[in-house]
Amino acid sequence: MDRFKQLETFASVAAKGSLSAAAQAEGIAPAVIGRRLDALEERLGVKLLVRTTRKITLTFEGSAFLEDCQRIINDMQNAEASVSAGGVKASGHVRVSAPAGFGRRHVAPLVAAFTTLHPDVSVSLDLTDRMIDLVNEGFDCAVRLGELPDSSLVSLKLGENRRVCVASPEYLQKRGKPATLSALADHNCLALGASANQQRGWVFQQDGKVVTIKVSGTMECSDGAVLHEWCLEGRGLAWRSWWEVGADIGAGRLLSVLDDFAAPPIGIHAVFPQRRHLPLRVRLFLDLLKHTYAAPGYWEALVS
């Protein structure tokens, strides 16, 4: 049995949630899908899916394997497209969504570059921190930071984002540099407002465990860009993404603290609906994102 077909079948079942739905999409009997999955699991020696009459659930190994399968399938489709497309030009319209702050700095410039490279393609960039519904709202792809709860979407890892605790030199000169996580209680912490979706505290790592610290201060805001500005003005400590403050750290406008307690980085992903053949214009845009963020020194250049 073809190994690549097994991977495609596994990814399709995981995305659609049932053998019958995957079989219907391919125009074959569910029993054929079942035999492919059995052969894949037997070859790997692990259980990838827990199948009951009511639902299908990914095992721990299955979840890890799914991301690799999606990457392999996407790479294969892109490789085939690059050959079969030949001299065909990309055309049409692409709708993209990205988080507001990250999108302004790291997606919008690439949209401009992309339309220069492909003048027959137009792009709509929607910058919002709301979790949009790609399928029902008609988006081709979205850039997302952190966990990806919706398994019906295909994900492509673009890079990693780490969070750092920062303050201005002036603030630290007046208030001192915190050396422990408990010392945050003695500092003015610039936190996201309680109405913000991301208000869950600041995340660190201590004694090998990820911990969330509830912080407080005299100022809070639901807009991360405002917190960034307040931090630059010396108003307090802030917990911000490297993509946002890396240049400030490099220029000495901000200093990072509590680096020994930094939490593991979170993923930067592109997500898009499960499709057998993505339009060439979408594939090319995703390629530009991935190659740009994966380029040696792209994130390090923020501090140069």
Protein backbone atom coordinates (compact mmCIF):
# COMPACT_ATOMS: atom_id res chain seq x y z
CA MET A 1 0.00 0.00 0.00
CA ASP A 2 1.25 3.45 -0.89
CA ARG A 3 2.73 5.13 2.20
CA PHE A 4 1.87 8.65 1.10
CA LYS A 5 -1.76 7.66 0.54
CA GLN A 6 -1.85 6.38 4.13
CA LEU A 7 -0.63 9.75 5.38
CA GLU A 8 -3.22 11.59 3.26
CA THR A 9 -5.96 9.31 4.59
CA PHE A 10 -4.89 9.81 8.20
CA ALA A 11 -4.82 13.62 7.81
CA SER A 12 -8.21 13.58 6.07
CA VAL A 13 -9.86 11.48 8.79
CA ALA A 14 -8.36 13.70 11.51
CA ALA A 15 -9.67 16.82 9.76
CA LYS A 16 -13.15 15.51 8.95
CA GLY A 17 -13.67 13.61 12.18
CA SER A 18 -14.98 10.36 10.71
CA LEU A 19 -14.09 7.53 8.33
CA SER A 20 -17.32 7.95 6.40
CA ALA A 21 -16.72 11.67 5.74
CA ALA A 22 -13.18 10.98 4.52
CA ALA A 23 -14.43 8.12 2.37
CA GLN A 24 -17.22 10.25 0.87
CA ALA A 25 -14.72 13.00 -0.05
CA GLU A 26 -12.59 10.43 -1.89
CA GLY A 27 -15.50 8.51 -3.38
CA ILE A 28 -14.60 5.16 -1.84
CA ALA A 29 -16.01 2.82 0.82
CA PRO A 30 -15.32 3.57 4.52
CA ALA A 31 -13.85 0.07 4.83
CA VAL A 32 -11.02 1.09 2.49
CA ILE A 33 -10.23 4.07 4.71
CA GLY A 34 -10.24 1.78 7.74
CA ARG A 35 -7.81 -0.66 6.13
CA ARG A 36 -5.40 2.18 5.27
CA LEU A 37 -5.43 3.40 8.85
CA ASP A 38 -4.93 -0.12 10.21
CA ALA A 39 -1.97 -0.62 7.90
CA LEU A 40 -0.45 2.73 8.92
CA GLU A 41 -0.79 2.01 12.64
CA GLU A 42 0.60 -1.50 12.20
CA ARG A 43 3.59 -0.19 10.25
CA LEU A 44 4.33 2.50 12.84
CA GLY A 45 3.60 0.28 15.82
CA VAL A 46 1.50 2.94 17.58
CA LYS A 47 -2.16 3.79 17.97
CA LEU A 48 -2.92 7.07 16.19
CA LEU A 49 -6.70 7.20 16.54
CA VAL A 50 -9.24 5.98 19.06
CA ARG A 51 -12.25 4.96 17.00
CA THR A 52 -15.73 4.46 18.44
CA THR A 53 -19.13 4.35 16.79
CA ARG A 54 -19.73 7.97 17.82
CA LYS A 55 -16.46 9.79 17.26
CA ILE A 56 -12.78 9.62 16.44
CA THR A 57 -10.15 11.01 18.82
CA LEU A 58 -6.45 11.53 18.20
CA THR A 59 -4.08 9.88 20.64
CA PHE A 60 -1.06 11.79 21.96
CA GLU A 61 1.11 10.12 19.33
CA GLY A 62 -1.52 10.82 16.69
CA SER A 63 -1.59 14.54 17.46
CA ALA A 64 2.18 14.80 17.16
CA PHE A 65 2.21 12.74 13.96
CA LEU A 66 -0.58 14.81 12.39
CA GLU A 67 1.49 18.00 12.28
CA ASP A 68 4.31 16.18 10.49
CA CYS A 69 1.85 14.61 8.06
CA GLN A 70 0.30 17.97 7.23
CA ARG A 71 3.73 19.46 6.59
CA ILE A 72 4.75 16.54 4.33
CA ILE A 73 1.49 16.71 2.37
CA ASN A 74 1.78 20.47 1.96
CA ASP A 75 5.41 20.20 0.83
CA MET A 76 4.49 17.52 -1.71
CA GLN A 77 1.63 19.59 -3.10
CA ASN A 78 3.88 22.65 -3.39
CA ALA A 79 6.59 20.62 -5.11
CA GLU A 80 4.10 19.26 -7.64
CA ALA A 81 2.61 22.71 -8.18
CA SER A 82 5.99 24.29 -8.82
CA VAL A 83 6.57 21.80 -11.64
CA SER A 84 3.08 21.53 -13.08
CA ALA A 85 2.41 25.26 -12.92
CA GLY A 86 5.42 25.93 -15.13
CA GLY A 87 5.11 29.45 -16.42
CA VAL A 88 1.54 29.90 -15.18
CA LYS A 89 1.11 33.17 -13.30
CA ALA A 90 -0.69 33.35 -9.98
CA SER A 91 -3.84 35.46 -10.16
CA GLY A 92 -7.00 36.19 -8.22
CA HIS A 93 -7.67 37.38 -4.69
CA VAL A 94 -6.34 36.22 -1.31
CA ARG A 95 -8.01 36.99 2.03
CA VAL A 96 -5.63 36.83 5.00
CA SER A 97 -6.19 37.36 8.71
CA ALA A 98 -3.53 38.05 11.36
CA PRO A 99 -3.33 39.33 14.95
CA ALA A 100 -3.36 43.14 14.92
CA GLY A 101 0.05 43.91 16.44
CA PHE A 102 1.96 41.06 14.83
CA GLY A 103 0.21 41.64 11.52
CA ARG A 104 1.17 45.31 11.35
CA ARG A 105 4.86 44.54 11.86
CA HIS A 106 5.41 41.17 10.25
CA VAL A 107 2.58 40.39 7.82
CA ALA A 108 1.69 43.73 6.23
CA PRO A 109 5.21 44.27 4.82
CA LEU A 110 5.09 40.81 3.24
CA VAL A 111 1.70 41.53 1.66
CA ALA A 112 3.28 44.53 -0.04
CA ALA A 113 6.25 42.44 -1.18
CA PHE A 114 3.95 39.66 -2.39
CA THR A 115 1.82 41.93 -4.58
CA THR A 116 5.02 43.33 -6.11
CA LEU A 117 6.19 39.81 -6.95
CA HIS A 118 2.74 38.76 -8.20
CA PRO A 119 1.00 41.82 -9.68
CA ASP A 120 -1.98 39.78 -10.87
CA VAL A 121 -2.89 38.87 -7.28
CA SER A 122 -4.78 41.19 -4.93
CA VAL A 123 -4.71 40.71 -1.15
CA SER A 124 -7.09 41.72 1.65
CA LEU A 125 -5.39 41.74 5.06
CA ASP A 126 -7.70 41.71 8.07
CA LEU A 127 -5.93 42.61 11.31
CA THR A 128 -7.89 41.49 14.36
CA ASP A 129 -7.27 39.71 17.65
CA ARG A 130 -10.64 37.98 17.28
CA MET A 131 -10.54 34.26 16.45
CA ILE A 132 -12.16 34.31 13.03
CA ASP A 133 -13.95 31.39 11.39
CA LEU A 134 -11.94 30.92 8.20
CA VAL A 135 -14.47 28.79 6.37
CA ASN A 136 -17.69 30.63 7.22
CA GLU A 137 -16.12 34.08 6.89
CA GLY A 138 -14.42 33.30 3.59
CA PHE A 139 -10.73 33.60 4.48
CA ASP A 140 -8.03 31.72 2.62
CA CYS A 141 -5.55 31.60 5.50
CA ALA A 142 -4.71 33.14 8.86
CA VAL A 143 -1.59 33.68 10.93
CA ARG A 144 -2.02 32.59 14.54
CA LEU A 145 0.19 32.67 17.62
CA GLY A 146 0.01 29.97 20.30
CA GLU A 147 -2.23 26.95 20.59
CA LEU A 148 -4.33 25.77 17.65
CA PRO A 149 -7.59 24.41 19.09
CA ASP A 150 -9.37 23.87 15.75
CA SER A 151 -8.15 20.54 14.32
CA SER A 152 -10.33 20.94 11.21
CA LEU A 153 -7.74 23.42 9.87
CA VAL A 154 -4.42 22.52 8.33
CA SER A 155 -1.49 24.20 10.07
CA LEU A 156 1.94 25.17 8.79
CA LYS A 157 4.53 26.17 11.38
CA LEU A 158 6.23 29.42 10.44
CA GLY A 159 8.42 30.04 13.48
CA GLU A 160 8.43 30.53 17.24
CA ASN A 161 7.61 33.47 19.47
CA ARG A 162 9.01 33.98 22.95
CA ARG A 163 7.75 36.36 25.59
CA VAL A 164 10.05 38.52 27.69
CA CYS A 165 9.57 40.68 30.77
CA VAL A 166 10.92 44.15 30.03
CA ALA A 167 11.25 47.61 31.51
CA SER A 168 13.00 50.85 30.64
CA PRO A 169 16.44 51.58 32.15
CA GLU A 170 14.91 54.57 33.96
CA TYR A 171 12.26 52.44 35.66
CA LEU A 172 14.77 49.82 36.77
CA GLN A 173 17.10 52.48 38.11
CA LYS A 174 14.30 53.81 40.32
CA ARG A 175 12.62 50.55 41.35
CA GLY A 176 15.39 47.97 41.04
CA LYS A 177 15.62 44.81 38.97
CA PRO A 178 13.39 41.89 40.05
CA ALA A 179 15.44 38.76 40.67
CA THR A 180 12.61 36.32 41.46
CA LEU A 181 9.03 35.82 40.31
CA SER A 182 7.74 36.73 43.76
CA ALA A 183 9.43 40.12 43.37
CA LEU A 184 6.85 41.04 40.71
CA ALA A 185 4.45 41.79 43.57
CA ASP A 186 6.65 44.76 44.50
CA HIS A 187 6.60 46.27 41.00
CA ASN A 188 4.17 48.24 38.91
CA CYS A 189 3.14 45.73 36.26
CA LEU A 190 1.49 46.95 33.07
CA ALA A 191 -1.09 44.27 32.37
CA LEU A 192 -3.72 43.65 29.74
CA GLY A 193 -7.14 44.83 30.84
CA ALA A 194 -9.52 42.28 32.31
CA SER A 195 -11.76 42.57 29.25
CA ALA A 196 -9.03 41.31 26.94
CA ASN A 197 -9.26 37.70 25.81
CA GLN A 198 -5.61 37.07 26.60
CA GLN A 199 -5.80 38.23 30.24
CA ARG A 200 -4.58 35.10 32.00
CA GLY A 201 -1.50 36.41 33.77
CA TRP A 202 2.18 36.34 32.85
CA VAL A 203 3.64 32.94 32.02
CA PHE A 204 7.07 31.83 33.23
CA GLN A 205 8.96 28.61 33.93
CA GLN A 206 10.14 27.70 37.44
CA ASP A 207 11.61 24.41 38.71
CA GLY A 208 10.86 22.81 35.37
CA LYS A 209 7.17 23.76 35.46
CA VAL A 210 5.23 26.41 33.60
CA VAL A 211 3.61 28.83 36.04
CA THR A 212 1.20 31.72 35.56
CA ILE A 213 1.70 34.80 37.71
CA LYS A 214 -1.18 37.18 38.36
CA VAL A 215 0.22 40.71 38.32
CA SER A 216 -1.15 44.12 39.25
CA GLY A 217 -0.27 47.76 38.86
CA THR A 218 -1.66 51.26 38.58
CA MET A 219 -2.29 51.07 34.82
CA GLU A 220 -3.78 48.45 32.52
CA CYS A 221 -5.04 48.47 28.95
CA SER A 222 -6.70 46.06 26.52
CA ASP A 223 -4.33 47.23 23.75
CA GLY A 224 -0.84 45.71 23.85
CA ALA A 225 0.63 48.58 21.80
CA VAL A 226 -0.35 51.01 24.57
CA LEU A 227 1.34 48.82 27.19
CA HIS A 228 4.45 48.87 25.02
CA GLU A 229 4.45 52.67 24.91
CA TRP A 230 3.89 52.96 28.65
CA CYS A 231 6.79 50.62 29.23
CA LEU A 232 9.05 52.74 27.02
CA GLU A 233 8.00 55.79 29.06
CA GLY A 234 9.23 54.12 32.24
CA ARG A 235 5.79 53.48 33.73
CA GLY A 236 6.45 49.88 34.78
CA LEU A 237 7.26 46.29 33.81
CA ALA A 238 5.59 44.69 30.79
CA TRP A 239 5.41 41.13 29.49
CA ARG A 240 5.66 41.38 25.74
CA SER A 241 6.50 39.33 22.65
CA TRP A 242 10.02 39.34 21.26
CA TRP A 243 8.73 40.42 17.84
CA GLU A 244 7.39 43.58 19.48
CA VAL A 245 10.24 44.60 21.80
CA GLY A 246 13.31 42.98 20.24
CA ALA A 247 14.34 46.18 18.46
CA ASP A 248 13.92 48.18 21.68
CA ILE A 249 16.12 45.73 23.57
CA GLY A 250 18.75 45.92 20.85
CA ALA A 251 18.71 49.73 20.99
CA GLY A 252 18.84 49.82 24.79
CA ARG A 253 15.43 51.46 25.14
CA LEU A 254 14.23 48.43 27.10
CA LEU A 255 16.02 45.83 29.21
CA SER A 256 14.84 42.25 29.72
CA VAL A 257 14.54 40.87 33.25
CA LEU A 258 13.76 37.46 34.74
CA ASP A 259 15.32 35.78 31.69
CA ASP A 260 16.17 32.69 33.78
CA PHE A 261 12.42 32.13 34.22
CA ALA A 262 11.40 32.60 30.56
CA ALA A 263 8.66 30.19 29.47
CA PRO A 264 9.14 27.97 26.39
CA PRO A 265 8.32 29.76 23.13
CA ILE A 266 4.94 29.37 21.46
CA GLY A 267 4.44 28.57 17.80
CA ILE A 268 3.68 30.96 14.98
CA HIS A 269 1.46 29.12 12.51
CA ALA A 270 -0.38 29.70 9.28
CA VAL A 271 -3.71 27.89 9.19
CA PHE A 272 -5.98 27.25 6.25
CA PRO A 273 -9.03 25.09 5.47
CA GLN A 274 -8.50 21.46 4.56
CA ARG A 275 -8.35 21.39 0.77
CA ARG A 276 -6.92 18.85 -1.62
CA HIS A 277 -5.51 21.54 -3.91
CA LEU A 278 -4.83 25.02 -2.58
CA PRO A 279 -4.91 27.77 -5.21
CA LEU A 280 -1.44 28.68 -6.46
CA ARG A 281 -1.78 32.23 -5.12
CA VAL A 282 -2.39 30.93 -1.58
CA ARG A 283 0.48 28.45 -1.76
CA LEU A 284 2.86 31.16 -2.92
CA PHE A 285 1.80 33.50 -0.13
CA LEU A 286 2.30 30.78 2.49
CA ASP A 287 5.72 30.02 1.00
CA LEU A 288 6.71 33.67 1.33
CA LEU A 289 5.69 33.72 5.00
CA LYS A 290 7.56 30.52 5.79
CA HIS A 291 10.74 31.37 3.92
CA THR A 292 10.86 34.88 5.40
CA TYR A 293 10.36 33.83 9.02
CA ALA A 294 12.70 30.84 8.62
CA ALA A 295 15.49 32.90 7.09
CA PRO A 296 18.66 32.91 9.22
CA GLY A 297 18.77 36.03 11.31
CA TYR A 298 15.22 37.28 10.60
CA TRP A 299 14.19 37.47 14.26
CA GLU A 300 17.72 38.25 15.47
CA ALA A 301 17.76 41.24 13.13
CA LEU A 302 15.22 42.89 15.42
CA VAL A 303 18.02 43.65 17.90
CA SER A 304 20.58 44.84 15.34
